Amino acid sequence: MILDLSRYSCLGEALRDPMVTFQTNVALIEADRHRENGRWEFRELRAEAERVAIRLQALGIKKGDRCAILMSNQAKWVISGIGALWAGCVLVPLDSRLTAAEQLALLRFAEPAVLITEYNAWRSLSREPPGVLTRQKVVVTEAPPGAELGAATRWEERVEGEFNFERRERNDIACVVFSSGTSGRPKGCLLTHDNYLEQAQMIGRLFPVEEGDRYFAILPNNHAVGFMGGMIIPLLFGATVVHQRTLRPEFIASTMKAYRITHTALVPRILRNLEKRLREKIDQLPGWKRLLLDGLMTANELATAREPNHKLSRILLKPIHRQLGDGLRLIIAGSAYVDPECASFFYRLGIPVAIGYGLTEACTSLTLNDLKPFRADTVGKPIPGIEIEIRDKNEGGIGEVYARARTVMKGYLNDSDLTRETIIDGWLRTGDLALIDASGHLKLVGRAKNMIVTAGGKNVYPEDIESKFESIATCEELCICAASYIWPGADLADETLVLIIRPKSDEPTAELLDEIRTRNRELADYQRVSSYMVWKEEFPRSAKLDVKRQQLAREIAVRLSRDKALRTL
C-alpha cells in the first residue's frame, strides 16, 4: 500500500482514517509474560480514544493544552495518546523509568494542563513534596477499587458528553519530547505535526508495512523510535501493535513466536540479548546439526547478498524462523552503536537488521540502511528527503554531522539560546562525529563532547574503542572514559584511558582480563586502554539505553579514589 500523508493537516486526522478503513482488524494487543491482557479492534480503539478525548474536554482541557503521559509499555498509552491528539492536545511523553523526583522536575518544566498516568506512578509522585501535581488535572489508570485518588479522576470511568474532534495545523506543535533533562538543563524538543507526518511518510515508503502485519512495540512510547514505530506507522497501515508489559529477555522471543511478529525496533542491548538466546539454542544442537545450520546460513547469505528474500530464508532456515514466530521480516536498530557481528548474525539467519541513525531533534531517523545491499559497518544513507553534511572535517574526513529536513524540530521548549546553538540557518547541528564513505553511507565515530585528546594530540572517540570490547561473554557492560573525566585535576599531559567494566561475577575472571588484553593489543597505540576499574552496580542509562557517562563518572568520583580504583592492564 502506498501511503500518502500529504492530504492530512495533523497527526490526529491521519490516525482517524484507519479506524474506519480497518475497523474489524486487530489494532492493539497487550501481553504480560505468557498471558494476554487484552486486544482491541480498530473500531474499539476508536471508541476508547474518543472516550479519552471526551474526558479531557470534560475536564476543561482546550486545544493546544499540553497532556503529559506517564505509563509503562502498554496499550492504554496508545489509546490515551490518540485520544489526547483528537482533543487537540500537545503530547508530553515522560519516561516511566525515571525517579519520581526526576519526573516531577520535567512536569514543572513542561507545565502540562493534564497528566495521564498509572496508579503506581501516581502513588510515587504523590509521595514527593507537594505542589507540582496540584498544577494540573490528573487522570489515573488501573487504580484498585476503593483506592483514594484525591482530586485525580479514574481513567476507566465513563463520562457523558459529545466528542468534538479538534483539528490542528501542520506547523502546530504535536509533542514535546525530552531528549535529556533528568539532571541539568532540560531539553524538550518541540516537534510539529508536519515533522511526524513527513517522517512517517519517509519511513513508510522505505520499509512499507502491510495490512495484517504485527509490530512488536518493545521500545517505550516516550522514546522517539518507540512512538513512531509503536504507534504511528503500524496503525496508519492497518497493522497490529503488540505491547508487552515486561521486557525481560526470556519473554521477548516467546512473544515474537506467539504473535508471529513481522517487524520490531530494538536498541543494541536488546538485540544482543536476543542474539545470545538464539546462540545458546544453537549451541545445544548436536555437532552435525550445527555444521548443517552453518552451511545453510552461508547459503542464505550468498543468496541474499543483493537484498533480503524472506520467503527463501524461511525455507532454508525454517527451524530458526519458527523460534521467532516464522514471520519476522525486519528489525530496525539504532540509538547506540550496533555491533556489526551481531547484525550480520541475524542477516545470515535471514532476519535483516536495518541499522539507522537519528535524534529526537530530527523526529527519529536521519539515515537508514535500505538493505540493498545489507551493510553492518555503517548507519546507512540519508533517507530520501533528508540532507546530510559533514562540516569541519579533519584530514581523515571526520567532522560534525549537520542535517536539514522537514523533520527537524522547531526548537527547544523555553530555551531560545540552546535552539540558536543547535539549529543554524535551518541546519540541525547534531554534535555527532562521522564521515561519509565512497558509497554515500554514513559512518559514525562518536560524540564531539565525549572526544578525548591524547598527549600526542590524537583524537580518541570512546564509542569507537568500546566497539572493540563489545560482546565479551563474561562482561555485563562496559564503557571508556578518560581518567581526568572522572577525577578532574589529573595531569592531562599523561592522560589515562580507563575501561570501566561490570563483570558478571563479583570480580573479573582471568578469562575476562585475558580477552580484554587481547582486544586491547589490536587497537592503535593511541587508542589502547592502560587501566581498568571494576564497578559492580548497573550503569545509569538514558531512555535510549545509552550510558549516562557524566552521571556514572560523578558516582565513581564520589565513592572511589583514583589510586585505589585504577588497575593496570
Protein backbone atom coordinates (compact mmCIF):
# COMPACT_ATOMS: atom_id res chain seq x y z
CA MET A 1 0.00 0.00 0.00
CA ILE A 2 1.32 3.45 -0.94
CA LEU A 3 0.91 5.83 1.96
CA ASP A 4 0.07 9.44 1.05
CA LEU A 5 0.01 11.65 4.14
CA SER A 6 0.19 14.96 2.27
CA ARG A 7 -3.60 15.44 2.43
CA TYR A 8 -3.72 15.47 6.24
CA SER A 9 -3.35 18.63 8.31
CA CYS A 10 -2.35 16.91 11.55
CA LEU A 11 -1.38 13.63 13.14
CA GLY A 12 -4.78 13.15 14.80
CA GLU A 13 -6.56 13.47 11.45
CA ALA A 14 -4.21 10.92 9.83
CA LEU A 15 -4.93 8.44 12.64
CA ARG A 16 -8.72 8.73 12.25
CA ASP A 17 -8.98 7.23 8.76
CA PRO A 18 -7.53 3.77 9.63
CA MET A 19 -10.16 3.40 12.36
CA VAL A 20 -12.80 3.23 9.61
CA THR A 21 -10.78 1.59 6.83
CA PHE A 22 -9.56 -1.30 9.01
CA GLN A 23 -12.32 -1.25 11.64
CA THR A 24 -12.58 -5.03 12.19
CA ASN A 25 -8.82 -5.65 12.10
CA VAL A 26 -6.97 -6.07 15.40
CA ALA A 27 -5.16 -2.81 16.19
CA LEU A 28 -3.67 -3.45 19.65
CA ILE A 29 -2.65 -6.48 21.69
CA GLU A 30 -1.26 -6.25 25.19
CA ALA A 31 0.69 -9.21 26.57
CA ASP A 32 2.21 -9.73 30.01
CA ARG A 33 4.68 -12.59 30.13
CA HIS A 34 2.70 -15.59 28.82
CA ARG A 35 -0.71 -14.01 29.42
CA GLU A 36 -2.72 -11.75 27.11
CA ASN A 37 -4.25 -8.78 28.93
CA GLY A 38 -6.45 -7.66 26.07
CA ARG A 39 -6.89 -6.86 22.39
CA TRP A 40 -8.70 -4.08 20.58
CA GLU A 41 -10.01 -3.91 17.02
CA PHE A 42 -9.63 -0.58 15.22
CA ARG A 43 -13.29 0.28 15.85
CA GLU A 44 -12.81 -0.47 19.57
CA LEU A 45 -9.62 1.58 19.63
CA ARG A 46 -11.57 4.46 18.08
CA ALA A 47 -14.31 4.23 20.72
CA GLU A 48 -11.80 4.10 23.59
CA ALA A 49 -9.73 7.00 22.21
CA GLU A 50 -12.88 9.11 21.74
CA ARG A 51 -13.80 8.37 25.37
CA VAL A 52 -10.38 9.69 26.48
CA ALA A 53 -10.91 12.82 24.37
CA ILE A 54 -14.37 13.36 25.92
CA ARG A 55 -12.88 13.00 29.42
CA LEU A 56 -10.16 15.56 28.68
CA GLN A 57 -12.66 18.00 27.23
CA ALA A 58 -14.96 17.48 30.24
CA LEU A 59 -12.01 18.42 32.48
CA GLY A 60 -11.74 21.72 30.63
CA ILE A 61 -8.70 20.82 28.52
CA LYS A 62 -8.55 23.05 25.45
CA LYS A 63 -6.98 22.78 22.02
CA GLY A 64 -3.24 23.47 22.33
CA ASP A 65 -3.04 22.47 26.02
CA ARG A 66 -0.28 20.04 26.98
CA CYS A 67 -1.12 16.50 28.04
CA ALA A 68 1.66 14.56 29.78
CA ILE A 69 1.54 10.75 29.61
CA LEU A 70 3.46 8.70 32.17
CA MET A 71 2.91 4.97 31.65
CA SER A 72 4.84 1.78 31.10
CA ASN A 73 4.79 -0.03 27.76
CA GLN A 74 1.09 -0.82 27.30
CA ALA A 75 -1.98 -0.37 25.13
CA LYS A 76 -3.56 2.36 27.30
CA TRP A 77 -0.61 4.61 26.39
CA VAL A 78 -1.59 4.42 22.71
CA ILE A 79 -5.30 4.84 23.46
CA SER A 80 -4.57 7.86 25.66
CA GLY A 81 -2.16 9.37 23.16
CA ILE A 82 -4.62 9.16 20.27
CA GLY A 83 -7.44 10.50 22.44
CA ALA A 84 -5.31 13.45 23.53
CA LEU A 85 -4.39 14.23 19.91
CA TRP A 86 -8.07 14.11 18.92
CA ALA A 87 -8.81 16.56 21.74
CA GLY A 88 -6.22 18.88 20.17
CA CYS A 89 -3.62 18.40 22.91
CA VAL A 90 0.15 18.64 22.68
CA LEU A 91 1.57 15.35 23.97
CA VAL A 92 4.36 15.34 26.57
CA PRO A 93 5.61 11.72 26.83
CA LEU A 94 7.52 11.03 30.07
CA ASP A 95 9.90 8.20 30.87
CA SER A 96 8.34 5.75 33.35
CA ARG A 97 11.82 4.52 34.37
CA LEU A 98 12.91 7.85 35.83
CA THR A 99 12.62 8.51 39.54
CA ALA A 100 9.55 10.34 40.81
CA ALA A 101 11.71 13.38 41.60
CA GLU A 102 13.03 13.44 38.01
CA GLN A 103 9.53 13.07 36.60
CA LEU A 104 8.25 15.91 38.77
CA ALA A 105 11.11 18.12 37.61
CA LEU A 106 10.06 17.58 33.99
CA LEU A 107 6.41 18.20 34.87
CA ARG A 108 7.38 21.51 36.47
CA PHE A 109 9.33 22.44 33.35
CA ALA A 110 6.71 21.39 30.78
CA GLU A 111 3.68 22.65 32.74
CA PRO A 112 1.07 20.33 31.22
CA ALA A 113 -2.60 21.07 31.80
CA VAL A 114 -3.29 17.38 32.44
CA LEU A 115 -1.32 14.24 33.37
CA ILE A 116 -2.46 10.73 32.43
CA THR A 117 -0.57 8.15 34.48
CA GLU A 118 -0.65 4.66 36.01
CA TYR A 119 -1.69 4.13 39.60
CA ASN A 120 1.77 3.03 40.79
CA ALA A 121 3.43 6.04 39.16
CA TRP A 122 0.78 8.35 40.66
CA ARG A 123 1.48 6.95 44.15
CA SER A 124 5.22 7.53 43.72
CA LEU A 125 4.64 11.10 42.53
CA SER A 126 2.24 11.73 45.42
CA ARG A 127 4.92 10.80 47.98
CA GLU A 128 7.21 13.57 46.75
CA PRO A 129 6.98 17.11 48.23
CA PRO A 130 3.53 18.54 47.38
CA GLY A 131 2.88 21.29 44.92
CA VAL A 132 3.60 20.04 41.42
CA LEU A 133 0.60 17.72 40.99
CA THR A 134 -1.80 20.48 42.09
CA ARG A 135 -0.96 22.50 38.97
CA GLN A 136 -2.68 20.13 36.54
CA LYS A 137 -5.61 17.76 36.31
CA VAL A 138 -4.64 14.11 36.84
CA VAL A 139 -6.22 11.00 35.29
CA VAL A 140 -5.12 7.67 36.81
CA THR A 141 -5.33 4.24 35.16
CA GLU A 142 -5.59 0.85 36.88
CA ALA A 143 -6.35 2.18 40.34
CA PRO A 144 -7.71 -0.60 42.62
CA PRO A 145 -11.41 -0.39 43.53
CA GLY A 146 -11.85 1.84 46.55
CA ALA A 147 -8.42 3.47 46.22
CA GLU A 148 -8.42 7.09 47.36
CA LEU A 149 -7.29 9.31 44.48
CA GLY A 150 -7.91 12.73 45.98
CA ALA A 151 -8.52 15.24 43.20
CA ALA A 152 -7.45 12.77 40.49
CA THR A 153 -10.04 11.00 38.33
CA ARG A 154 -10.17 7.41 37.15
CA TRP A 155 -9.26 6.65 33.52
CA GLU A 156 -11.76 3.78 33.37
CA GLU A 157 -14.80 5.81 34.50
CA ARG A 158 -17.37 6.61 31.82
CA VAL A 159 -18.01 10.27 31.08
CA GLU A 160 -21.12 11.63 29.42
CA GLY A 161 -20.60 14.12 26.64
CA GLU A 162 -20.23 14.59 22.93
CA PHE A 163 -16.92 14.00 21.19
CA ASN A 164 -15.54 17.03 19.37
CA PHE A 165 -12.55 16.38 17.13
CA GLU A 166 -10.06 19.28 17.30
CA ARG A 167 -8.09 19.66 14.08
CA ARG A 168 -4.58 21.13 14.29
CA GLU A 169 -2.39 22.66 11.58
CA ARG A 170 0.82 21.19 10.16
CA ASN A 171 3.03 23.79 11.83
CA ASP A 172 1.42 23.36 15.27
CA ILE A 173 3.36 21.55 17.97
CA ALA A 174 2.30 17.89 18.26
CA CYS A 175 4.69 16.71 21.00
CA VAL A 176 7.23 17.98 23.50
CA VAL A 177 9.74 15.12 23.73
CA PHE A 178 12.60 15.24 26.22
CA SER A 179 15.90 14.13 24.72
CA SER A 180 17.55 14.74 28.10
CA GLY A 181 16.86 16.66 31.26
CA THR A 182 16.98 14.28 34.22
CA SER A 183 19.83 16.41 35.55
CA GLY A 184 21.00 19.83 34.50
CA ARG A 185 19.42 21.58 31.52
CA PRO A 186 16.12 20.05 30.28
CA LYS A 187 15.90 19.62 26.50
CA GLY A 188 12.28 19.42 25.45
CA CYS A 189 12.14 19.06 21.67
CA LEU A 190 9.21 20.88 20.03
CA LEU A 191 8.07 18.52 17.27
CA THR A 192 5.31 19.58 14.88
CA HIS A 193 2.57 17.61 13.16
CA ASP A 194 4.46 18.21 9.91
CA ASN A 195 7.62 16.69 11.45
CA TYR A 196 5.79 13.47 12.30
CA LEU A 197 3.79 13.16 9.10
CA GLU A 198 6.89 13.72 6.98
CA GLN A 199 8.93 11.18 8.96
CA ALA A 200 6.14 8.59 8.77
CA GLN A 201 5.90 9.18 5.02
CA MET A 202 9.67 8.75 4.56
CA ILE A 203 10.00 5.54 6.58
CA GLY A 204 6.72 4.13 5.26
CA ARG A 205 8.00 4.40 1.69
CA LEU A 206 11.40 2.93 2.54
CA PHE A 207 10.03 -0.01 4.55
CA PRO A 208 6.29 -0.40 3.81
CA VAL A 209 4.13 -2.15 6.39
CA GLU A 210 1.21 -4.26 5.16
CA GLU A 211 -2.29 -4.68 6.48
CA GLY A 212 -2.20 -7.58 8.93
CA ASP A 213 1.47 -7.20 9.82
CA ARG A 214 2.32 -7.32 13.54
CA TYR A 215 4.72 -4.79 15.05
CA PHE A 216 6.29 -5.65 18.42
CA ALA A 217 6.48 -2.37 20.40
CA ILE A 218 9.42 -3.11 22.68
CA LEU A 219 10.75 0.44 22.98
CA PRO A 220 8.69 2.72 25.25
CA ASN A 221 6.46 5.35 23.64
CA ASN A 222 8.39 8.22 25.25
CA HIS A 223 11.29 7.07 23.06
CA ALA A 224 11.20 8.77 19.64
CA VAL A 225 11.53 5.45 17.78
CA GLY A 226 9.01 3.78 20.08
CA PHE A 227 6.43 6.49 19.43
CA MET A 228 6.91 6.43 15.66
CA GLY A 229 7.13 2.64 15.32
CA GLY A 230 4.91 1.56 18.19
CA MET A 231 2.00 3.84 17.47
CA ILE A 232 2.03 5.94 14.31
CA ILE A 233 3.34 3.91 11.36
CA PRO A 234 1.75 0.47 12.07
CA LEU A 235 -1.69 1.95 12.76
CA LEU A 236 -1.59 4.11 9.63
CA PHE A 237 -1.05 0.94 7.56
CA GLY A 238 -3.69 -1.14 9.36
CA ALA A 239 -1.13 -3.33 11.14
CA THR A 240 -1.34 -4.69 14.70
CA VAL A 241 0.77 -3.26 17.52
CA VAL A 242 1.76 -5.79 20.19
CA HIS A 243 2.84 -4.42 23.58
CA GLN A 244 4.44 -6.43 26.36
CA ARG A 245 4.37 -5.16 29.94
CA THR A 246 7.67 -6.82 30.80
CA LEU A 247 10.84 -6.56 28.72
CA ARG A 248 12.75 -9.36 30.39
CA PRO A 249 14.78 -11.09 27.62
CA GLU A 250 13.29 -14.53 28.20
CA PHE A 251 9.81 -13.27 27.27
CA ILE A 252 10.76 -11.32 24.12
CA ALA A 253 11.37 -14.38 21.92
CA SER A 254 8.29 -16.18 23.24
CA THR A 255 6.07 -13.16 22.46
CA MET A 256 7.54 -12.94 18.95
CA LYS A 257 6.68 -16.59 18.47
CA ALA A 258 3.19 -16.41 20.00
CA TYR A 259 2.08 -13.46 17.85
CA ARG A 260 4.14 -14.15 14.72
CA ILE A 261 5.77 -10.72 14.86
CA THR A 262 6.79 -9.29 11.47
CA HIS A 263 8.52 -6.01 12.47
CA THR A 264 10.20 -4.53 15.51
CA ALA A 265 12.69 -1.84 16.50
CA LEU A 266 15.39 -2.61 19.05
CA VAL A 267 18.22 -0.85 20.79
CA PRO A 268 21.55 -2.72 20.51
CA ARG A 269 21.46 -4.04 24.06
CA ILE A 270 18.15 -5.88 23.49
CA LEU A 271 19.39 -7.08 20.09
CA ARG A 272 22.46 -8.62 21.75
CA ASN A 273 20.29 -10.33 24.36
CA LEU A 274 18.17 -11.86 21.61
CA GLU A 275 21.30 -12.98 19.77
CA LYS A 276 22.62 -14.57 22.96
CA ARG A 277 19.45 -16.62 23.46
CA LEU A 278 19.49 -17.83 19.85
CA ARG A 279 23.17 -18.78 20.06
CA GLU A 280 22.52 -20.72 23.26
CA LYS A 281 19.85 -22.76 21.48
CA ILE A 282 22.18 -23.36 18.51
CA ASP A 283 24.99 -24.46 20.85
CA GLN A 284 22.69 -27.12 22.30
CA LEU A 285 22.35 -28.82 18.89
CA PRO A 286 24.40 -31.94 18.05
CA GLY A 287 27.64 -31.21 16.19
CA TRP A 288 26.38 -32.39 12.80
CA LYS A 289 23.27 -30.19 13.07
CA ARG A 290 25.41 -27.14 13.91
CA LEU A 291 27.56 -27.80 10.82
CA LEU A 292 24.45 -28.19 8.66
CA LEU A 293 22.96 -24.99 10.07
CA ASP A 294 26.17 -23.06 9.44
CA GLY A 295 26.15 -24.27 5.83
CA LEU A 296 22.53 -23.18 5.37
CA MET A 297 23.32 -19.77 6.91
CA THR A 298 26.18 -19.35 4.44
CA ALA A 299 23.94 -20.37 1.55
CA ASN A 300 21.30 -17.87 2.68
CA GLU A 301 23.92 -15.12 3.00
CA LEU A 302 25.10 -15.72 -0.57
CA ALA A 303 21.56 -15.95 -1.96
CA THR A 304 20.50 -12.68 -0.30
CA ALA A 305 23.71 -10.73 -0.88
CA ARG A 306 21.95 -8.11 -3.02
CA GLU A 307 18.77 -7.78 -0.97
CA PRO A 308 16.70 -9.80 1.54
CA ASN A 309 14.48 -12.64 0.38
CA HIS A 310 12.25 -13.56 3.30
CA LYS A 311 10.48 -16.46 1.61
CA LEU A 312 13.76 -18.15 0.65
CA SER A 313 15.28 -17.58 4.10
CA ARG A 314 12.25 -19.12 5.78
CA ILE A 315 12.62 -22.24 3.61
CA LEU A 316 16.37 -22.60 4.20
CA LEU A 317 16.28 -21.82 7.94
CA LYS A 318 12.77 -22.83 8.94
CA PRO A 319 13.64 -24.16 12.47
CA ILE A 320 15.29 -20.84 13.41
CA HIS A 321 12.46 -18.74 11.98
CA ARG A 322 9.95 -20.93 13.79
CA GLN A 323 11.64 -19.99 17.09
CA LEU A 324 10.68 -16.36 16.39
CA GLY A 325 7.20 -16.99 15.05
CA ASP A 326 8.04 -17.70 11.40
CA GLY A 327 7.16 -14.16 10.33
CA LEU A 328 9.91 -11.75 11.40
CA ARG A 329 10.90 -9.76 8.30
CA LEU A 330 12.65 -6.70 9.68
CA ILE A 331 14.43 -5.38 12.75
CA ILE A 332 15.32 -1.69 12.85
CA ALA A 333 18.22 -0.98 15.20
CA GLY A 334 19.89 2.21 16.32
CA SER A 335 20.11 4.77 19.17
CA ALA A 336 23.59 3.46 20.03
CA TYR A 337 26.45 1.53 18.45
CA VAL A 338 25.27 -1.67 16.77
CA ASP A 339 27.86 -4.44 16.78
CA PRO A 340 28.40 -5.42 13.09
CA GLU A 341 28.94 -9.07 14.06
CA CYS A 342 25.57 -9.11 15.85
CA ALA A 343 23.74 -7.55 12.87
CA SER A 344 25.50 -9.93 10.47
CA PHE A 345 24.47 -12.92 12.60
CA PHE A 346 20.80 -12.02 12.16
CA TYR A 347 21.20 -11.34 8.45
CA ARG A 348 22.78 -14.75 7.94
CA LEU A 349 19.65 -16.17 9.61
CA GLY A 350 17.51 -14.32 7.08
CA ILE A 351 16.34 -11.67 9.57
CA PRO A 352 17.55 -8.30 8.22
CA VAL A 353 18.69 -5.66 10.70
CA ALA A 354 18.33 -2.19 9.19
CA ILE A 355 20.81 -0.05 11.11
CA GLY A 356 19.85 3.60 11.37
CA TYR A 357 20.86 6.87 12.94
CA GLY A 358 18.77 9.72 14.23
CA LEU A 359 17.97 12.12 17.01
CA THR A 360 14.84 13.16 18.86
CA GLU A 361 15.54 16.63 17.47
CA ALA A 362 15.04 15.20 13.96
CA CYS A 363 11.82 13.34 14.85
CA THR A 364 13.53 9.92 14.85
CA SER A 365 15.66 8.91 11.84
CA LEU A 366 18.11 10.71 9.56
CA THR A 367 19.70 7.68 7.91
CA LEU A 368 18.73 4.03 7.39
CA ASN A 369 20.32 1.11 5.62
CA ASP A 370 17.93 0.21 2.80
CA LEU A 371 19.37 -3.36 2.77
CA LYS A 372 20.22 -3.15 -0.94
CA PRO A 373 22.74 -4.49 -0.11
CA PHE A 374 22.91 -5.13 3.63
CA ARG A 375 25.85 -3.45 5.37
CA ALA A 376 26.63 -3.81 9.05
CA ASP A 377 29.52 -1.33 9.18
CA THR A 378 27.52 1.90 8.63
CA VAL A 379 24.26 3.54 9.71
CA GLY A 380 23.06 3.72 6.12
CA LYS A 381 22.40 6.51 3.67
CA PRO A 382 20.32 9.65 4.30
CA ILE A 383 16.61 8.87 3.98
CA PRO A 384 15.18 10.46 0.80
CA GLY A 385 14.14 13.99 1.75
CA ILE A 386 16.95 14.48 4.29
CA GLU A 387 20.19 16.34 3.58
CA ILE A 388 23.38 15.47 5.48
CA GLU A 389 26.61 17.50 5.56
CA ILE A 390 29.89 16.78 7.32
CA ARG A 391 31.44 20.05 8.47
CA ASP A 392 34.86 21.00 9.86
CA LYS A 393 36.45 17.79 8.59
CA ASN A 394 39.88 16.66 9.74
CA GLU A 395 42.45 15.02 7.49
CA GLY A 396 40.59 11.70 7.76
CA GLY A 397 37.31 13.17 6.55
CA ILE A 398 35.77 13.07 10.04
CA GLY A 399 33.66 16.05 11.02
CA GLU A 400 30.44 17.04 12.71
CA VAL A 401 27.12 15.89 11.23
CA TYR A 402 24.65 18.60 10.20
CA ALA A 403 21.17 17.74 8.89
CA ARG A 404 18.40 19.63 7.12
CA ALA A 405 14.86 18.34 6.54
CA ARG A 406 11.19 19.00 7.23
CA THR A 407 11.53 16.55 10.11
CA VAL A 408 13.84 18.85 12.13
CA MET A 409 12.17 20.22 15.28
CA LYS A 410 11.06 23.83 15.77
CA GLY A 411 13.38 24.21 18.73
CA TYR A 412 13.68 23.52 22.45
CA LEU A 413 10.95 24.34 24.94
CA ASN A 414 11.68 27.54 26.89
CA ASP A 415 15.28 27.70 25.64
CA SER A 416 15.83 30.07 22.72
CA ASP A 417 19.60 30.23 23.37
CA LEU A 418 20.04 26.47 23.03
CA THR A 419 17.77 26.48 19.99
CA ARG A 420 20.02 29.07 18.27
CA GLU A 421 23.10 26.98 19.12
CA THR A 422 21.51 23.79 17.72
CA ILE A 423 19.62 24.99 14.62
CA ILE A 424 21.86 27.17 12.45
CA ASP A 425 20.39 28.61 9.24
CA GLY A 426 17.91 25.73 9.14
CA TRP A 427 20.57 23.07 9.72
CA LEU A 428 20.47 20.83 12.79
CA ARG A 429 23.85 20.61 14.48
CA THR A 430 23.88 17.06 15.84
CA GLY A 431 27.08 17.03 17.90
CA ASP A 432 27.90 13.66 16.35
CA LEU A 433 31.17 12.96 14.55
CA ALA A 434 31.16 10.90 11.36
CA LEU A 435 32.39 10.52 7.80
CA ILE A 436 30.63 9.66 4.54
CA ASP A 437 32.21 6.80 2.58
CA ALA A 438 32.52 6.47 -1.19
CA SER A 439 29.09 4.82 -1.50
CA GLY A 440 27.34 7.60 0.41
CA HIS A 441 26.93 5.68 3.66
CA LEU A 442 27.36 7.48 6.97
CA LYS A 443 29.92 6.04 9.40
CA LEU A 444 29.55 7.33 12.95
CA VAL A 445 32.68 7.80 15.02
CA GLY A 446 31.42 9.30 18.27
CA ARG A 447 30.09 12.32 20.09
CA ALA A 448 32.08 15.55 19.92
CA LYS A 449 31.55 16.17 23.62
CA ASN A 450 32.91 12.72 24.50
CA MET A 451 36.07 13.15 22.46
CA ILE A 452 39.39 12.67 24.29
CA VAL A 453 42.57 14.36 23.12
CA THR A 454 45.71 12.37 23.96
CA ALA A 455 49.08 13.86 24.92
CA GLY A 456 50.21 13.25 21.33
CA GLY A 457 47.32 15.35 20.01
CA LYS A 458 45.33 12.38 18.73
CA ASN A 459 41.53 12.48 18.91
CA VAL A 460 40.07 9.41 20.60
CA TYR A 461 36.36 8.62 20.50
CA PRO A 462 35.16 6.42 23.39
CA GLU A 463 32.41 4.77 21.32
CA ASP A 464 34.96 3.69 18.73
CA ILE A 465 37.09 1.94 21.36
CA GLU A 466 34.08 0.45 23.16
CA SER A 467 33.05 -1.29 19.95
CA LYS A 468 36.26 -3.35 20.12
CA PHE A 469 35.34 -4.70 23.55
CA GLU A 470 31.68 -5.44 22.81
CA SER A 471 30.24 -8.94 23.22
CA ILE A 472 32.73 -10.28 25.80
CA ALA A 473 30.66 -13.07 27.31
CA THR A 474 31.80 -12.63 30.93
CA CYS A 475 31.28 -8.85 30.98
CA GLU A 476 27.82 -7.44 31.68
CA GLU A 477 28.55 -3.90 30.46
CA LEU A 478 31.47 -1.53 29.91
CA CYS A 479 32.41 1.98 28.85
CA ILE A 480 35.51 4.10 28.23
CA CYS A 481 36.36 7.37 29.99
CA ALA A 482 39.46 9.49 30.41
CA ALA A 483 40.75 9.36 33.99
CA SER A 484 40.58 13.17 34.12
CA TYR A 485 36.91 12.99 33.13
CA ILE A 486 36.21 11.00 36.31
CA TRP A 487 38.74 12.68 38.60
CA PRO A 488 39.31 16.26 37.34
CA GLY A 489 42.70 17.74 38.13
CA ALA A 490 44.81 14.88 36.78
CA ASP A 491 47.78 15.71 34.56
CA LEU A 492 46.35 15.93 31.04
CA ALA A 493 49.84 15.53 29.60
CA ASP A 494 49.81 11.98 30.90
CA GLU A 495 46.20 11.12 30.15
CA THR A 496 44.94 7.63 31.02
CA LEU A 497 42.16 5.85 29.16
CA VAL A 498 40.09 3.84 31.62
CA LEU A 499 37.92 0.84 30.78
CA ILE A 500 35.08 0.67 33.32
CA ILE A 501 33.72 -2.86 33.50
CA ARG A 502 30.85 -4.54 35.31
CA PRO A 503 31.71 -8.23 35.25
CA LYS A 504 29.07 -10.90 35.61
CA SER A 505 30.90 -12.23 38.66
CA ASP A 506 31.94 -10.17 41.69
CA GLU A 507 35.46 -9.78 40.34
CA PRO A 508 36.75 -10.06 36.76
CA THR A 509 37.92 -13.54 35.93
CA ALA A 510 41.33 -14.30 34.43
CA GLU A 511 39.50 -15.24 31.22
CA LEU A 512 37.83 -11.81 31.06
CA LEU A 513 41.08 -9.93 31.63
CA ASP A 514 42.91 -12.04 29.04
CA GLU A 515 40.20 -11.26 26.48
CA ILE A 516 40.40 -7.54 27.28
CA ARG A 517 44.20 -7.55 26.88
CA THR A 518 43.94 -9.43 23.58
CA ARG A 519 41.47 -6.97 22.12
CA ASN A 520 43.38 -4.03 23.55
CA ARG A 521 46.51 -5.08 21.63
CA GLU A 522 44.51 -4.96 18.39
CA LEU A 523 43.85 -1.22 18.83
CA ALA A 524 46.09 1.56 17.54
CA ASP A 525 48.70 2.66 20.09
CA TYR A 526 46.93 5.92 20.95
CA GLN A 527 43.59 4.11 21.44
CA ARG A 528 44.82 1.50 23.87
CA VAL A 529 43.45 1.37 27.38
CA SER A 530 46.15 1.43 30.06
CA SER A 531 43.90 0.93 33.08
CA TYR A 532 40.64 -0.66 34.04
CA MET A 533 38.35 -0.43 37.04
CA VAL A 534 35.51 -2.55 38.35
CA TRP A 535 32.08 -1.03 39.01
CA LYS A 536 29.63 -3.53 40.47
CA GLU A 537 26.39 -1.59 40.01
CA GLU A 538 24.30 -1.16 36.87
CA PHE A 539 25.39 1.76 34.70
CA PRO A 540 22.92 4.66 34.66
CA ARG A 541 21.24 4.79 31.27
CA SER A 542 19.04 7.17 29.33
CA ALA A 543 15.65 6.33 27.82
CA LYS A 544 17.56 5.19 24.71
CA LEU A 545 19.69 2.92 26.97
CA ASP A 546 22.83 4.96 26.30
CA VAL A 547 25.25 5.06 29.23
CA LYS A 548 24.98 8.39 31.08
CA ARG A 549 28.73 8.99 31.22
CA GLN A 550 28.58 12.16 33.30
CA GLN A 551 26.37 10.59 35.95
CA LEU A 552 28.47 7.42 36.07
CA ALA A 553 31.69 9.47 36.37
CA ARG A 554 30.20 11.53 39.22
CA GLU A 555 29.12 8.42 41.13
CA ILE A 556 32.56 6.83 40.74
CA ALA A 557 34.42 10.00 41.75
CA VAL A 558 32.33 10.41 44.91
CA ARG A 559 32.82 6.83 46.09
CA LEU A 560 36.25 5.79 44.81
CA SER A 561 39.68 7.37 44.75
CA ARG A 562 41.76 7.28 41.58
CA ASP A 563 44.67 5.45 43.23
CA LYS A 564 42.52 2.69 44.69
CA ALA A 565 40.14 2.27 41.75
CA LEU A 566 42.52 2.02 38.79
CA ARG A 567 44.18 -1.28 37.98
CA THR A 568 46.88 -1.64 35.35
CA LEU A 569 46.17 -3.88 32.38
